[in-house]
Protein backbone atom coordinates (compact mmCIF):
# COMPACT_ATOMS: atom_id res chain seq x y z
CA UNK A 1 30.68 75.41 177.19
CA UNK A 2 30.19 76.37 181.01
CA UNK A 3 32.57 74.20 182.95
CA UNK A 4 30.31 73.75 185.96
CA UNK A 5 27.58 72.39 183.97
CA UNK A 6 29.48 69.64 182.37
CA UNK A 7 30.69 69.00 185.92
CA UNK A 8 27.47 68.46 187.20
CA UNK A 9 26.65 66.28 184.50
CA UNK A 10 29.23 63.61 185.44
CA UNK A 11 28.34 63.73 188.99
CA UNK A 12 24.69 62.92 188.37
CA UNK A 13 24.89 59.55 188.44
CA UNK A 14 23.71 58.80 185.02
CA UNK A 15 25.61 55.94 183.19
CA UNK A 16 27.62 57.10 179.76
CA UNK A 17 27.96 54.88 176.73
CA UNK A 18 31.54 55.74 176.36
CA UNK A 19 33.80 57.60 178.79
CA UNK A 20 37.07 59.00 177.35
CA UNK A 21 40.11 59.61 179.28
CA UNK A 22 42.06 62.56 177.66
CA UNK A 23 41.40 65.25 176.71
CA UNK A 24 44.38 65.89 174.04
CA UNK A 25 43.69 65.56 169.84
CA UNK A 26 42.62 62.13 169.86
CA UNK A 27 40.45 62.11 173.04
CA UNK A 28 38.86 65.07 171.70
CA UNK A 29 38.22 63.75 168.24
CA UNK A 30 36.73 60.60 169.89
CA UNK A 31 34.93 62.68 172.19
CA UNK A 32 32.94 64.45 168.83
CA UNK A 33 33.06 61.12 166.70
CA UNK A 34 30.93 59.50 169.30
CA UNK A 35 28.45 62.59 170.17
CA UNK A 36 27.67 62.40 166.51
CA UNK A 37 26.48 59.30 166.45
CA UNK A 38 24.36 60.14 168.76
CA UNK A 39 25.92 58.11 171.77
CA UNK A 40 26.06 59.43 175.08
CA UNK A 41 29.73 60.52 175.82
CA UNK A 42 31.84 62.14 178.95
CA UNK A 43 35.18 63.07 178.48
CA UNK A 44 37.71 63.82 181.35
CA UNK A 45 41.15 65.48 180.92
CA UNK A 46 43.30 66.09 184.19
CA UNK A 47 45.09 69.16 183.28
CA UNK A 48 43.73 71.40 180.61
CA UNK A 49 42.76 70.56 177.28
CA UNK A 50 45.84 69.83 174.72
CA UNK A 51 47.82 70.96 177.94
CA UNK A 52 50.31 68.26 176.70
CA UNK A 53 51.75 66.77 173.37
CA UNK A 54 48.72 68.49 171.81
CA UNK A 55 49.57 71.70 171.91
CA UNK A 56 53.46 71.41 171.59
CA UNK A 57 53.28 69.99 168.01
CA UNK A 58 55.48 71.63 165.04
CA UNK A 59 51.95 73.13 164.10
CA UNK A 60 51.88 71.38 160.94
CA UNK A 61 49.19 69.60 158.90
CA UNK A 62 50.87 67.24 156.99
CA UNK A 63 50.93 63.70 154.90
CA UNK A 64 54.52 62.88 155.99
CA UNK A 65 56.50 63.25 153.02
CA UNK A 66 59.56 61.90 154.92
CA UNK A 67 57.70 58.41 155.41
CA UNK A 68 57.13 58.57 151.42
CA UNK A 69 60.55 58.17 150.67
CA UNK A 70 61.12 55.54 153.18
CA UNK A 71 58.03 53.76 151.64
CA UNK A 72 59.55 53.44 148.54
CA UNK A 73 63.31 52.83 149.19
CA UNK A 74 62.20 49.89 151.87
CA UNK A 75 58.84 48.78 150.66
CA UNK A 76 57.10 49.70 153.80
CA UNK A 77 53.48 49.10 152.66
CA UNK A 78 52.86 50.92 156.48
CA UNK A 79 54.89 54.16 155.74
CA UNK A 80 53.26 54.29 152.13
CA UNK A 81 49.48 53.86 153.97
CA UNK A 82 50.45 56.22 156.70
CA UNK A 83 51.21 58.84 154.00
CA UNK A 84 48.14 58.22 151.85
CA UNK A 85 45.99 58.86 155.16
CA UNK A 86 47.66 61.63 156.18
CA UNK A 87 47.10 63.64 152.64
CA UNK A 88 43.24 62.63 152.97
CA UNK A 89 42.96 63.69 156.49
CA UNK A 90 45.12 66.92 156.16
CA UNK A 91 42.69 67.91 153.44
CA UNK A 92 39.59 67.06 155.68
CA UNK A 93 41.35 69.08 158.79
CA UNK A 94 41.57 72.29 156.28
CA UNK A 95 38.04 71.74 155.14
CA UNK A 96 36.20 71.44 158.69
CA UNK A 97 38.32 74.13 159.95
CA UNK A 98 39.50 76.33 157.80
CA UNK A 99 39.60 79.60 160.21
CA UNK A 100 42.52 77.30 162.46
CA UNK A 101 43.99 75.44 159.25
CA UNK A 102 45.77 76.63 156.17
CA UNK A 103 48.36 75.84 153.35
CA UNK A 104 52.04 76.78 153.26
CA UNK A 105 54.98 76.76 151.12
CA UNK A 106 58.15 75.26 152.06
CA UNK A 107 61.30 75.39 150.17
CA UNK A 108 64.42 72.95 150.57
CA UNK A 109 67.70 73.48 149.61
CA UNK A 110 69.81 71.17 147.53
CA UNK A 111 73.69 70.88 146.44
CA UNK A 112 73.27 69.18 143.21
CA UNK A 113 70.64 69.00 140.48
CA UNK A 114 70.96 65.25 140.95
CA UNK A 115 69.44 65.38 143.83
CA UNK A 116 67.01 68.52 143.48
CA UNK A 117 65.27 65.97 140.82
CA UNK A 118 65.82 62.66 143.03
CA UNK A 119 63.66 65.12 145.71
CA UNK A 120 61.62 66.80 143.28
CA UNK A 121 60.13 63.53 141.82
CA UNK A 122 59.07 62.21 145.21
CA UNK A 123 57.52 65.56 145.72
CA UNK A 124 55.29 65.32 142.10
CA UNK A 125 54.09 61.71 143.58
CA UNK A 126 53.05 63.39 147.18
CA UNK A 127 50.79 65.51 145.28
CA UNK A 128 49.36 63.08 142.92
CA UNK A 129 48.75 60.97 145.99
CA UNK A 130 46.84 64.12 147.35
CA UNK A 131 44.44 64.10 144.58
CA UNK A 132 41.66 66.61 144.61
CA UNK A 133 42.80 67.62 148.24
CA UNK A 134 45.95 68.41 146.68
CA UNK A 135 47.41 72.17 148.41
CA UNK A 136 49.44 73.41 145.39
CA UNK A 137 51.70 71.88 142.76
CA UNK A 138 55.60 71.13 143.73
CA UNK A 139 58.41 73.44 142.13
CA UNK A 140 61.59 72.99 141.18
CA UNK A 141 63.38 76.70 141.07
CA UNK A 142 67.25 77.66 140.37
CA UNK A 143 69.39 79.21 143.37
CA UNK A 144 68.83 82.72 142.04
CA UNK A 145 64.87 81.89 142.31
CA UNK A 146 65.24 80.31 145.68
CA UNK A 147 67.15 83.39 146.97
CA UNK A 148 64.76 85.88 145.63
CA UNK A 149 61.91 83.78 147.24
CA UNK A 150 64.16 83.55 150.26
CA UNK A 151 66.61 86.33 150.61
CA UNK A 152 67.41 85.12 154.29
CA UNK A 153 68.29 81.85 153.52
CA UNK A 154 72.35 81.08 153.15
CA UNK A 155 72.45 79.26 149.63
CA UNK A 156 76.36 79.09 149.39
CA UNK A 157 77.24 75.78 147.79
CA UNK A 158 73.67 74.87 146.83
CA UNK A 159 72.48 74.45 143.18
CA UNK A 160 68.70 74.76 143.48
CA UNK A 161 65.80 74.09 145.72
CA UNK A 162 62.49 72.58 145.99
CA UNK A 163 59.27 74.33 146.96
CA UNK A 164 55.82 72.25 147.78
CA UNK A 165 52.67 72.69 149.93
CA UNK A 166 51.38 71.44 153.45
CA UNK A 167 49.16 72.64 156.07
CA UNK A 168 49.72 74.12 159.16
CA UNK A 169 47.38 74.66 162.18
CA UNK A 170 46.98 75.97 165.74
CA UNK A 171 47.27 73.22 167.69
CA UNK A 172 45.73 73.80 170.98
CA UNK A 173 42.43 76.01 169.79
CA UNK A 174 41.65 73.33 167.51
CA UNK A 175 41.74 70.66 170.23
CA UNK A 176 39.42 73.14 172.14
CA UNK A 177 37.47 73.60 169.26
CA UNK A 178 37.14 70.02 168.84
CA UNK A 179 35.91 69.28 172.72
CA UNK A 180 33.25 72.71 172.34
CA UNK A 181 31.85 71.26 168.98
CA UNK A 182 31.44 67.53 170.58
CA UNK A 183 29.77 69.49 173.55
CA UNK A 184 27.62 71.30 170.92
CA UNK A 185 26.85 67.71 169.84
CA UNK A 186 25.90 66.69 173.84
CA UNK A 187 28.72 65.56 174.72
CA UNK A 188 29.93 65.78 178.45
CA UNK A 189 33.68 67.32 178.35
CA UNK A 190 35.38 68.36 181.30
CA UNK A 191 39.08 69.80 181.62
CA UNK A 192 40.83 69.21 185.31
CA UNK A 193 39.43 66.23 186.03
CA UNK A 194 41.37 63.28 186.68
CA UNK A 195 40.81 59.83 186.78
CA UNK A 196 42.27 57.91 189.66
CA UNK A 197 41.12 54.81 189.37
CA UNK A 198 38.89 52.10 186.97
CA UNK A 199 35.68 50.26 188.49
CA UNK A 200 35.30 46.94 187.39
CA UNK A 201 31.77 44.70 187.96
CA UNK A 202 32.65 40.87 187.42
CA UNK A 203 36.21 41.58 186.09
CA UNK A 204 34.81 44.06 183.04
CA UNK A 205 35.85 47.83 183.44
CA UNK A 206 32.87 49.42 183.79
CA UNK A 207 33.53 53.45 184.44
CA UNK A 208 35.86 55.23 186.31
CA UNK A 209 37.07 56.89 189.81
CA UNK A 210 37.31 60.99 189.02
CA UNK A 211 38.58 64.19 191.20
CA UNK A 212 37.76 67.44 190.44
CA UNK A 213 41.46 69.01 190.63
CA UNK A 214 39.90 72.14 191.46
CA UNK A 215 37.74 71.15 194.13
CA UNK A 216 39.25 68.37 195.34
CA UNK A 217 35.71 66.29 194.89
CA UNK A 218 36.22 62.90 194.14
CA UNK A 219 33.25 60.42 192.81
CA UNK A 220 32.42 57.59 190.31
CA UNK A 221 31.53 57.76 186.72
CA UNK A 222 29.58 54.55 185.16
CA UNK A 223 30.08 53.92 181.43
CA UNK A 224 29.81 50.67 179.23
CA UNK A 225 32.81 51.34 178.08
CA UNK A 226 36.09 53.24 178.64
CA UNK A 227 38.24 54.37 175.98
CA UNK A 228 42.11 55.38 177.28
CA UNK A 229 43.31 58.21 174.76
CA UNK A 230 45.92 60.10 176.63
CA UNK A 231 48.91 60.00 174.45
CA UNK A 232 52.42 59.40 176.08
CA UNK A 233 50.71 58.97 179.45
CA UNK A 234 48.61 55.50 177.89
CA UNK A 235 50.38 53.43 179.62
CA UNK A 236 50.07 54.86 183.19
CA UNK A 237 46.22 54.45 182.68
CA UNK A 238 46.98 51.05 181.29
CA UNK A 239 48.36 50.22 184.21
CA UNK A 240 45.22 51.20 186.37
CA UNK A 241 43.48 48.18 184.80
CA UNK A 242 46.49 45.85 184.84
CA UNK A 243 49.68 46.83 187.10
CA UNK A 244 51.37 44.21 185.13
CA UNK A 245 50.37 45.41 181.43
CA UNK A 246 53.72 45.77 179.37
CA UNK A 247 54.47 49.04 177.63
CA UNK A 248 53.40 49.50 174.42
CA UNK A 249 55.15 52.97 173.64
CA UNK A 250 57.92 54.79 173.57
CA UNK A 251 58.23 59.26 173.78
CA UNK A 252 60.59 61.40 172.16
CA UNK A 253 60.92 64.56 172.61
CA UNK A 254 60.23 67.69 170.55
CA UNK A 255 61.82 71.07 171.07
CA UNK A 256 60.69 74.03 169.33
CA UNK A 257 62.37 77.97 169.78
CA UNK A 258 60.62 80.90 168.52
CA UNK A 259 62.47 83.56 167.03
CA UNK A 260 61.40 87.06 165.44
CA UNK A 261 59.02 87.36 162.70
CA UNK A 262 62.19 88.80 160.19
CA UNK A 263 64.05 85.64 160.81
CA UNK A 264 62.65 84.40 157.24
CA UNK A 265 60.08 85.81 154.88
CA UNK A 266 56.31 85.12 156.17
CA UNK A 267 55.19 83.30 152.98
CA UNK A 268 57.20 80.74 152.66
CA UNK A 269 58.96 78.21 154.99
CA UNK A 270 62.07 76.23 155.49
CA UNK A 271 62.43 72.41 155.67
CA UNK A 272 65.42 70.80 156.29
CA UNK A 273 65.05 67.18 155.01
CA UNK A 274 67.89 65.37 156.76
CA UNK A 275 70.10 66.46 159.56
CA UNK A 276 73.91 64.35 160.09
CA UNK A 277 71.78 62.35 162.25
CA UNK A 278 68.81 61.74 160.27
CA UNK A 279 66.10 64.22 161.97
CA UNK A 280 64.32 66.62 159.84
CA UNK A 281 63.79 70.11 160.80
CA UNK A 282 61.01 73.11 160.24
CA UNK A 283 61.65 76.80 160.31
CA UNK A 284 57.82 78.17 159.79
CA UNK A 285 56.24 81.63 159.95
CA UNK A 286 53.32 80.93 163.44
CA UNK A 287 51.48 83.53 164.92
CA UNK A 288 53.34 86.75 163.95
CA UNK A 289 56.80 84.71 164.79
CA UNK A 290 59.05 82.10 163.47
CA UNK A 291 58.75 78.37 164.97
CA UNK A 292 61.94 76.42 163.98
CA UNK A 293 62.13 72.70 165.57
CA UNK A 294 61.98 69.83 166.14
CA UNK A 295 64.28 67.82 167.55
CA UNK A 296 63.80 63.78 168.26
CA UNK A 297 65.71 62.61 170.90
CA UNK A 298 64.30 59.42 173.69
CA UNK A 299 62.65 60.83 176.27
CA UNK A 300 60.83 59.82 179.72
CA UNK A 301 57.39 60.57 180.36
CA UNK A 302 56.91 63.49 182.33
CA UNK A 303 54.14 66.13 182.55
CA UNK A 304 55.23 69.81 181.25
CA UNK A 305 58.63 68.83 180.44
CA UNK A 306 61.29 71.17 180.07
CA UNK A 307 63.57 71.57 177.09
CA UNK A 308 67.59 70.77 177.72
CA UNK A 309 70.24 73.12 176.62
CA UNK A 310 71.66 70.55 174.29
CA UNK A 311 68.63 70.60 172.38
CA UNK A 312 68.31 74.36 172.04
CA UNK A 313 72.09 74.57 171.24
CA UNK A 314 71.27 71.95 168.11
CA UNK A 315 68.16 74.06 167.07
CA UNK A 316 70.78 77.29 167.17
CA UNK A 317 73.43 75.72 165.31
CA UNK A 318 71.65 74.66 162.83
CA UNK A 319 69.41 77.87 161.99
CA UNK A 320 72.78 79.50 162.09
CA UNK A 321 74.18 77.11 159.26
CA UNK A 322 71.03 77.95 157.02
CA UNK A 323 70.86 81.56 157.49
CA UNK A 324 72.95 84.47 156.53
CA UNK A 325 72.75 85.82 159.80
CA UNK A 326 74.18 83.75 162.69
CA UNK A 327 70.92 82.79 165.58
CA UNK A 328 72.28 83.16 168.79
CA UNK A 329 70.26 82.35 172.36
CA UNK A 330 69.57 86.20 172.64
CA UNK A 331 67.29 85.69 169.82
CA UNK A 332 65.35 83.05 171.33
CA UNK A 333 61.96 84.14 171.89
CA UNK A 334 60.30 81.05 173.60
CA UNK A 335 61.41 77.51 174.00
CA UNK A 336 59.13 74.62 174.78
CA UNK A 337 59.20 70.57 174.62
CA UNK A 338 56.27 68.43 173.63
CA UNK A 339 56.52 64.63 173.67
CA UNK A 340 55.35 62.42 170.90
CA UNK A 341 53.62 58.89 171.65
CA UNK A 342 55.10 56.48 169.28
CA UNK A 343 54.07 52.91 169.54
CA UNK A 344 56.46 50.51 170.32
CA UNK A 345 57.92 48.26 168.23
CA UNK A 346 61.44 46.26 169.37
CA UNK A 347 62.70 45.73 166.01
CA UNK A 348 63.05 49.08 165.76
CA UNK A 349 66.32 50.77 166.61
CA UNK A 350 65.54 54.50 167.54
CA UNK A 351 62.50 56.65 167.94
CA UNK A 352 63.52 58.03 164.39
CA UNK A 353 62.31 54.82 162.91
CA UNK A 354 58.86 54.44 164.29
CA UNK A 355 56.12 55.33 162.12
CA UNK A 356 53.84 57.74 163.70
CA UNK A 357 50.86 55.43 162.72
CA UNK A 358 48.33 54.21 165.73
CA UNK A 359 47.57 51.09 167.48
CA UNK A 360 44.20 50.00 169.51
CA UNK A 361 44.47 47.70 171.93
CA UNK A 362 41.63 46.14 173.95
CA UNK A 363 42.24 44.64 177.43
CA UNK A 364 40.93 41.37 178.88
CA UNK A 365 38.83 43.80 181.41
CA UNK A 366 37.42 46.03 178.37
CA UNK A 367 39.84 48.94 178.52
CA UNK A 368 40.28 50.14 174.70
CA UNK A 369 43.70 52.18 174.33
CA UNK A 370 44.22 54.35 171.33
CA UNK A 371 47.70 54.92 171.28
CA UNK A 372 50.39 56.47 168.79
CA UNK A 373 49.47 58.64 165.87
CA UNK A 374 49.72 62.00 165.00
CA UNK A 375 48.03 65.34 164.73
CA UNK A 376 46.89 65.40 160.95
CA UNK A 377 45.35 61.46 161.30
CA UNK A 378 43.18 62.59 164.44
CA UNK A 379 40.12 62.30 162.70
CA UNK A 380 40.93 58.92 161.21
CA UNK A 381 42.13 57.66 164.72
CA UNK A 382 38.72 58.78 166.04
CA UNK A 383 36.94 56.92 163.58
CA UNK A 384 38.97 53.78 164.22
CA UNK A 385 38.26 54.39 168.07
CA UNK A 386 34.82 54.60 168.13
CA UNK A 387 34.21 51.97 165.71
CA UNK A 388 35.92 49.73 167.51
CA UNK A 389 34.25 50.52 170.86
CA UNK A 390 30.57 50.19 169.21
CA UNK A 391 32.09 46.38 168.51
CA UNK A 392 33.36 45.77 171.67
CA UNK A 393 30.87 47.53 174.22
CA UNK A 394 27.58 46.36 172.00
CA UNK A 395 26.57 50.10 171.29
CA UNK A 396 25.20 49.12 167.62
CA UNK A 397 27.93 49.06 164.57
CA UNK A 398 25.28 50.88 162.49
CA UNK A 399 26.09 53.58 163.65
CA UNK A 400 27.94 55.56 160.75
CA UNK A 401 30.77 58.63 161.24
CA UNK A 402 29.64 61.98 160.64
CA UNK A 403 32.65 63.88 161.29
CA UNK A 404 34.57 63.66 157.37
CA UNK A 405 32.95 66.64 156.45
CA UNK A 406 31.65 68.20 159.75
CA UNK A 407 32.66 71.97 160.11
CA UNK A 408 33.71 72.93 163.65
CA UNK A 409 32.82 75.80 165.68
CA UNK A 410 33.58 78.77 164.38
CA UNK A 411 34.19 77.88 160.87
CA UNK A 412 30.30 77.17 159.78
CA UNK A 413 29.84 81.12 158.41
CA UNK A 414 33.71 81.03 157.51
CA UNK A 415 34.84 82.52 154.22
CA UNK A 416 38.46 84.01 153.33
CA UNK A 417 38.05 87.71 153.62
CA UNK A 418 35.30 87.53 156.43
CA UNK A 419 37.95 89.38 158.64
CA UNK A 420 37.64 92.51 156.17
CA UNK A 421 33.88 92.41 157.01
CA UNK A 422 34.36 92.45 160.23
CA UNK A 423 36.73 95.46 160.60
CA UNK A 424 34.40 97.55 158.74
CA UNK A 425 31.36 96.13 160.15
CA UNK A 426 32.41 96.42 163.52
CA UNK A 427 34.72 99.13 163.61
CA UNK A 428 37.86 97.58 164.64
CA UNK A 429 41.34 97.86 163.32
CA UNK A 430 41.94 95.00 160.75
CA UNK A 431 44.81 93.96 162.09
CA UNK A 432 42.60 93.06 165.51
CA UNK A 433 40.17 91.71 163.48
CA UNK A 434 42.19 89.57 161.41
CA UNK A 435 43.85 88.13 164.32
CA UNK A 436 40.46 87.34 166.36
CA UNK A 437 38.91 85.41 162.90
CA UNK A 438 42.29 83.32 163.16
CA UNK A 439 41.44 81.99 166.53
CA UNK A 440 37.69 82.54 166.95
CA UNK A 441 36.65 82.27 163.21
CA UNK A 442 33.11 83.27 162.87
CA UNK A 443 32.82 83.65 166.61
CA UNK A 444 34.71 86.81 166.47
CA UNK A 445 31.65 88.64 166.79
CA UNK A 446 30.66 87.28 170.02
CA UNK A 447 34.35 88.29 171.34
CA UNK A 448 33.71 91.68 170.10
CA UNK A 449 30.32 91.74 171.97
CA UNK A 450 32.28 91.37 175.06
CA UNK A 451 34.36 93.98 174.25
CA UNK A 452 31.57 96.59 173.76
CA UNK A 453 29.98 95.60 177.49
CA UNK A 454 33.15 96.58 178.80
CA UNK A 455 35.84 99.47 176.76
CA UNK A 456 38.49 98.23 179.00
CA UNK A 457 38.67 94.71 177.60
CA UNK A 458 38.79 95.95 173.88
CA UNK A 459 42.73 97.01 175.41
CA UNK A 460 45.17 94.46 174.59
CA UNK A 461 46.67 92.61 177.09
CA UNK A 462 50.12 93.33 176.18
CA UNK A 463 51.03 96.36 173.46
CA UNK A 464 53.00 93.83 171.43
CA UNK A 465 50.73 91.58 170.14
CA UNK A 466 47.07 91.66 169.08
CA UNK A 467 45.13 89.61 171.69
CA UNK A 468 42.84 91.63 173.85
CA UNK A 469 41.25 91.44 177.24
CA UNK A 470 37.51 90.36 176.02
CA UNK A 471 39.40 87.15 174.55
CA UNK A 472 40.07 86.48 178.16
CA UNK A 473 36.65 86.62 179.22
CA UNK A 474 35.49 84.48 176.46
CA UNK A 475 38.31 81.88 177.02
CA UNK A 476 36.49 81.78 180.81
CA UNK A 477 33.10 81.74 179.84
CA UNK A 478 33.34 79.51 176.77
CA UNK A 479 36.30 77.76 176.68
CA UNK A 480 36.59 76.33 179.89
CA UNK A 481 39.74 78.51 181.02
CA UNK A 482 40.38 77.87 184.95
CA UNK A 483 43.96 78.65 185.35
CA UNK A 484 45.93 81.41 184.17
CA UNK A 485 48.40 78.94 182.24
CA UNK A 486 44.95 77.33 180.25
CA UNK A 487 44.55 80.96 178.71
CA UNK A 488 48.27 82.28 178.23
CA UNK A 489 49.62 79.22 176.62
CA UNK A 490 46.88 77.36 175.06
CA UNK A 491 43.35 79.78 174.22
CA UNK A 492 46.05 82.56 173.43
CA UNK A 493 49.83 81.36 172.06
CA UNK A 494 51.29 84.43 173.68
CA UNK A 495 53.34 82.09 176.11
CA UNK A 496 54.52 79.99 173.37
CA UNK A 497 55.66 82.75 171.25
CA UNK A 498 57.04 85.17 173.66
CA UNK A 499 57.79 84.41 177.09
CA UNK A 500 59.13 87.61 178.43
CA UNK A 501 56.10 89.15 177.09
CA UNK A 502 53.63 86.20 178.90
CA UNK A 503 55.40 87.09 181.86
CA UNK A 504 54.37 91.14 181.71
CA UNK A 505 50.68 90.31 180.60
CA UNK A 506 50.05 87.79 183.43
CA UNK A 507 49.08 90.02 186.10
CA UNK A 508 46.20 92.09 184.06
CA UNK A 509 45.03 88.40 182.49
CA UNK A 510 45.20 87.38 185.78
CA UNK A 511 42.77 90.16 187.01
CA UNK A 512 40.07 89.95 184.25
CA UNK A 513 40.05 85.79 185.32
CA UNK A 514 39.61 86.96 188.42
CA UNK A 515 36.98 89.05 187.88
CA UNK A 516 34.77 86.53 186.34
CA UNK A 517 35.86 83.54 188.77
CA UNK A 518 35.97 85.33 192.00
CA UNK A 519 39.59 85.27 192.81
CA UNK A 520 41.30 87.31 195.60
CA UNK A 521 44.28 89.22 195.14
CA UNK A 522 46.25 86.39 196.89
CA UNK A 523 44.85 83.64 194.40
CA UNK A 524 45.45 86.20 191.55
CA UNK A 525 49.07 86.47 192.60
CA UNK A 526 49.72 82.53 192.92
CA UNK A 527 48.42 81.89 189.64
CA UNK A 528 50.78 84.68 187.89
CA UNK A 529 53.49 82.97 190.28
CA UNK A 530 52.75 79.18 188.95
CA UNK A 531 53.03 80.54 185.11
CA UNK A 532 55.93 82.55 185.97
CA UNK A 533 57.86 79.56 187.32
CA UNK A 534 56.64 77.35 184.21
CA UNK A 535 58.27 79.37 181.81
CA UNK A 536 61.18 79.48 183.65
CA UNK A 537 61.71 75.82 183.75
CA UNK A 538 60.87 75.52 180.42
CA UNK A 539 64.03 78.01 179.22
CA UNK A 540 65.78 75.56 181.17
CA UNK A 541 67.35 77.92 183.86
CA UNK A 542 69.21 79.82 181.10
CA UNK A 543 67.38 83.31 181.91
CA UNK A 544 63.78 83.99 180.84
CA UNK A 545 64.06 86.36 177.55
CA UNK A 546 64.07 89.86 178.56
CA UNK A 547 61.49 92.50 177.41
CA UNK A 548 61.48 94.22 174.08
CA UNK A 549 59.95 96.91 172.51
CA UNK A 550 56.17 96.92 170.96
CA UNK A 551 56.50 95.70 167.69
CA UNK A 552 55.10 97.52 164.17
CA UNK A 553 51.95 95.74 164.95
CA UNK A 554 50.88 97.66 168.32
CA UNK A 555 52.59 100.80 166.48
CA UNK A 556 50.20 100.22 163.72
CA UNK A 557 46.77 101.29 165.77
CA UNK A 558 46.30 98.54 168.89
CA UNK A 559 45.92 100.57 171.68
CA UNK A 560 48.75 100.94 173.72
CA UNK A 561 47.75 101.21 177.44
CA UNK A 562 48.15 98.32 179.02
CA UNK A 563 45.40 96.40 180.61
CA UNK A 564 45.08 97.23 184.91
CA UNK A 565 46.46 94.52 187.16
CA UNK A 566 45.06 93.05 190.59
CA UNK A 567 45.36 96.15 192.24
CA UNK A 568 43.81 98.42 189.58
CA UNK A 569 46.80 100.30 188.60
CA UNK A 570 48.88 100.28 185.48
CA UNK A 571 51.74 97.77 184.99
CA UNK A 572 55.12 98.84 184.43
CA UNK A 573 57.70 96.68 182.71
CA UNK A 574 59.98 97.88 185.34
CA UNK A 575 57.54 96.67 188.55
CA UNK A 576 56.68 93.34 186.59
CA UNK A 577 60.51 92.51 186.28
CA UNK A 578 60.88 93.40 189.94
CA UNK A 579 57.77 91.94 191.24
CA UNK A 580 59.48 88.33 189.31
CA UNK A 581 62.38 87.81 190.17
């Protein structure tokens, strides 16, 4: 997936059937659906694929068990349908991208047996609604059993616990994989290309004015129809069409903190179903660390919003209340904030009452906007959007959706123990093979082939993590990574799990990207500084986490030698700290 080839296609003047604006979950899903129906489709993204909300989710693929309770108690058919659709789409996502998604177990402690029975009954219904796509049976366990399964949990005052199954995935890699799979089916997809205006002929939208944010070059892309799939920024695109368009969205912030792996067991997660102010919190293992979130506060639309201190304190307070060992700010390795686009309903009092359903709107000039929704239902949202586009723009309603059981790139030769065979075949550490397979699936061999051509690229970019230099090269050559943040925050999740280690790795990763993209030392330094500033902004001025010693994964056999920095020399932690202060 060479970016320049896709940009050249955008510039060649040939009209597209559809121009999709937005490279997050919804936009990438729409591009894939349209391409597999044989439509000529283009997708443009202002920043990087999944740079906004779609890389900052709670990493869960879920039917929405909390919506099921509301559906039953309030007789709300919208909420019930949302759960049923979510469970169906959960199963499809895990089938279509098994290297990026898997089932997990979640535990909820309960204080009385009556409450336990009530919640368990709801979870049984949840499993029944999933049908053959269920990921496992829910269980009701005693306090003693719960304590044995989750020894870090403070169960004083609790009578029992319920356990149920849902899905987990890597959201940022899912988005870029959707874009790449769409490209493999003929779609033209380009990141860092911004829509600056809409083109109209006789009052109808017939394309967009776009600008390449890497080169500054601007041009017109002609299209029969334009689909607005920009998540929290949907209203801004709608106002390029009609400056007086009323708002369709409210947004809420989802704050997440990352903690050390031993905070909870590696095979079970914690779900807090209702805080005193009605929020739902999850504490789940993710990428060798523990992710805890999310809050649900009304927010303003912004690019890369920084978490607020009060939200981090809120999470720390709940983590300490549920765990035997108190969690302090010193335990936080990373913190980030995602904005959730919620369809506005003036009858709802707050963002917690808004269903995560999606809405399609077609303006008088023909702009088709897909708003709302959630990651789990991205595929169904895309199907609805392309169905509507075919009708609205005369593209042939007879074209049928093909994404229901479409395996994505990386999953076509997948089987659960493939990483073991890869380790034996390639002669690499099993921990490295498993990490590569979890991010790249059956393309892991291609990554290792890059490493074989240059032994230095087999070294880890940081001694405490299993990510190697060859993955950086793969991200540039095959995944359109063009900024250091594209790699450190999305192609590889290092910046989302440990900010201090991401800062340490930044110079070496910039050097690798620089060799691929022709950056000079000044450009490399600019990229490093940009990432440093972003991570510090996310940490809200409370002080970036300090570097820590390498963990057991690095000590288990991965090469501890650091990669070379921009000057070709070895980069020490002390030098990095001095250079970034």
